[in-house]
Amino acid sequence: MIYFLINLQDASKHVFHIVSDRLNYTTMRMWFLVNPPGKATIQVQYMFS
């Protein structure tokens, strides 16, 4: 993920949608809160079946 952000010309114009399962959803959200993606937008969602 960080590799993509480093190589973007304008990170503020990009949105990353991350789909997780219920088990890992909270961990993923917390990771991005602690490690902000700079100007890019990260959207973490979980899918349920």
N, C-alpha and C. Protein backbone atom coordinates (compact mmCIF):
# COMPACT_ATOMS: atom_id res chain seq x y z
N MET A 1 0.83 -1.19 0.00
CA MET A 1 0.00 0.00 0.00
C MET A 1 0.87 1.25 0.00
N ILE A 2 1.84 1.31 0.88
CA ILE A 2 2.70 2.48 0.96
C ILE A 2 3.47 2.67 -0.35
N TYR A 3 3.85 1.56 -0.99
CA TYR A 3 4.55 1.63 -2.27
C TYR A 3 3.73 2.40 -3.30
N PHE A 4 2.44 2.12 -3.37
CA PHE A 4 1.56 2.82 -4.31
C PHE A 4 1.50 4.31 -3.99
N LEU A 5 1.39 4.65 -2.74
CA LEU A 5 1.26 6.05 -2.35
C LEU A 5 2.53 6.85 -2.63
N ILE A 6 3.67 6.24 -2.49
CA ILE A 6 4.93 6.93 -2.75
C ILE A 6 5.04 7.30 -4.23
N ASN A 7 4.58 6.42 -5.11
CA ASN A 7 4.74 6.62 -6.55
C ASN A 7 3.60 7.39 -7.21
N LEU A 8 2.61 7.81 -6.47
CA LEU A 8 1.51 8.57 -7.06
C LEU A 8 1.92 10.03 -7.27
N GLN A 9 1.48 10.60 -8.37
CA GLN A 9 1.76 12.01 -8.64
C GLN A 9 0.96 12.89 -7.68
N ASP A 10 -0.30 12.56 -7.48
CA ASP A 10 -1.16 13.35 -6.58
C ASP A 10 -2.02 12.38 -5.78
N ALA A 11 -1.54 12.00 -4.60
CA ALA A 11 -2.23 11.00 -3.78
C ALA A 11 -3.62 11.43 -3.36
N SER A 12 -3.88 12.73 -3.31
CA SER A 12 -5.20 13.20 -2.86
C SER A 12 -6.30 12.86 -3.86
N LYS A 13 -5.95 12.45 -5.06
CA LYS A 13 -6.95 12.10 -6.07
C LYS A 13 -7.24 10.61 -6.13
N HIS A 14 -6.72 9.85 -5.18
CA HIS A 14 -6.89 8.40 -5.19
C HIS A 14 -7.61 7.93 -3.94
N VAL A 15 -8.46 6.92 -4.13
CA VAL A 15 -9.19 6.29 -3.03
C VAL A 15 -8.91 4.80 -3.09
N PHE A 16 -8.54 4.22 -1.98
CA PHE A 16 -8.33 2.79 -1.89
C PHE A 16 -9.48 2.19 -1.09
N HIS A 17 -10.18 1.23 -1.69
CA HIS A 17 -11.28 0.54 -1.02
C HIS A 17 -10.74 -0.83 -0.59
N ILE A 18 -10.77 -1.08 0.69
CA ILE A 18 -10.27 -2.34 1.22
C ILE A 18 -11.44 -3.11 1.81
N VAL A 19 -11.63 -4.33 1.33
CA VAL A 19 -12.72 -5.18 1.81
C VAL A 19 -12.10 -6.28 2.65
N SER A 20 -12.62 -6.44 3.85
CA SER A 20 -12.08 -7.41 4.80
C SER A 20 -13.20 -8.29 5.32
N ASP A 21 -12.82 -9.37 5.97
CA ASP A 21 -13.82 -10.17 6.65
C ASP A 21 -14.05 -9.58 8.04
N ARG A 22 -15.05 -10.07 8.70
CA ARG A 22 -15.42 -9.52 10.01
C ARG A 22 -14.31 -9.69 11.04
N LEU A 23 -13.59 -10.78 10.94
CA LEU A 23 -12.52 -11.08 11.90
C LEU A 23 -11.40 -10.04 11.85
N ASN A 24 -11.03 -9.58 10.67
CA ASN A 24 -9.89 -8.67 10.50
C ASN A 24 -10.29 -7.21 10.34
N TYR A 25 -11.56 -6.90 10.31
CA TYR A 25 -12.04 -5.55 10.04
C TYR A 25 -11.49 -4.52 11.04
N THR A 26 -11.62 -4.79 12.32
CA THR A 26 -11.18 -3.84 13.34
C THR A 26 -9.67 -3.64 13.29
N THR A 27 -8.94 -4.72 13.09
CA THR A 27 -7.48 -4.62 13.00
C THR A 27 -7.05 -3.76 11.83
N MET A 28 -7.70 -3.93 10.68
CA MET A 28 -7.36 -3.14 9.49
C MET A 28 -7.65 -1.66 9.73
N ARG A 29 -8.80 -1.36 10.30
CA ARG A 29 -9.15 0.04 10.57
C ARG A 29 -8.14 0.69 11.52
N MET A 30 -7.80 -0.04 12.57
CA MET A 30 -6.85 0.50 13.55
C MET A 30 -5.47 0.72 12.92
N TRP A 31 -5.05 -0.20 12.05
CA TRP A 31 -3.74 -0.05 11.41
C TRP A 31 -3.68 1.24 10.61
N PHE A 32 -4.74 1.55 9.86
CA PHE A 32 -4.74 2.77 9.06
C PHE A 32 -4.93 4.02 9.91
N LEU A 33 -5.52 3.90 11.08
CA LEU A 33 -5.59 5.05 11.98
C LEU A 33 -4.21 5.38 12.56
N VAL A 34 -3.44 4.35 12.87
CA VAL A 34 -2.10 4.53 13.42
C VAL A 34 -1.10 4.89 12.33
N ASN A 35 -1.32 4.38 11.11
CA ASN A 35 -0.42 4.62 9.97
C ASN A 35 -1.19 5.33 8.87
N PRO A 36 -1.45 6.62 9.01
CA PRO A 36 -2.27 7.32 8.03
C PRO A 36 -1.64 7.30 6.63
N PRO A 37 -2.49 7.25 5.61
CA PRO A 37 -2.00 7.10 4.24
C PRO A 37 -1.60 8.41 3.56
N GLY A 38 -1.35 9.44 4.31
CA GLY A 38 -1.02 10.72 3.69
C GLY A 38 -2.28 11.39 3.15
N LYS A 39 -2.22 11.85 1.92
CA LYS A 39 -3.36 12.55 1.33
C LYS A 39 -4.36 11.62 0.67
N ALA A 40 -4.02 10.36 0.48
CA ALA A 40 -4.95 9.41 -0.14
C ALA A 40 -6.06 9.08 0.84
N THR A 41 -7.17 8.61 0.31
CA THR A 41 -8.31 8.22 1.14
C THR A 41 -8.38 6.70 1.19
N ILE A 42 -8.54 6.17 2.39
CA ILE A 42 -8.67 4.73 2.58
C ILE A 42 -10.06 4.46 3.13
N GLN A 43 -10.77 3.52 2.52
CA GLN A 43 -12.09 3.12 3.00
C GLN A 43 -12.03 1.63 3.29
N VAL A 44 -12.20 1.27 4.56
CA VAL A 44 -12.17 -0.13 4.97
C VAL A 44 -13.60 -0.57 5.27
N GLN A 45 -14.03 -1.64 4.62
CA GLN A 45 -15.36 -2.20 4.84
C GLN A 45 -15.25 -3.70 5.01
N TYR A 46 -16.27 -4.27 5.64
CA TYR A 46 -16.28 -5.73 5.70
C TYR A 46 -17.52 -6.26 5.02
N MET A 47 -17.36 -7.43 4.45
CA MET A 47 -18.46 -8.10 3.76
C MET A 47 -18.96 -9.22 4.66
N PHE A 48 -20.23 -9.40 4.69
CA PHE A 48 -20.78 -10.50 5.46
C PHE A 48 -21.65 -11.33 4.53
N SER A 49 -21.77 -12.60 4.85
CA SER A 49 -22.59 -13.46 3.99
C SER A 49 -23.65 -14.17 4.78
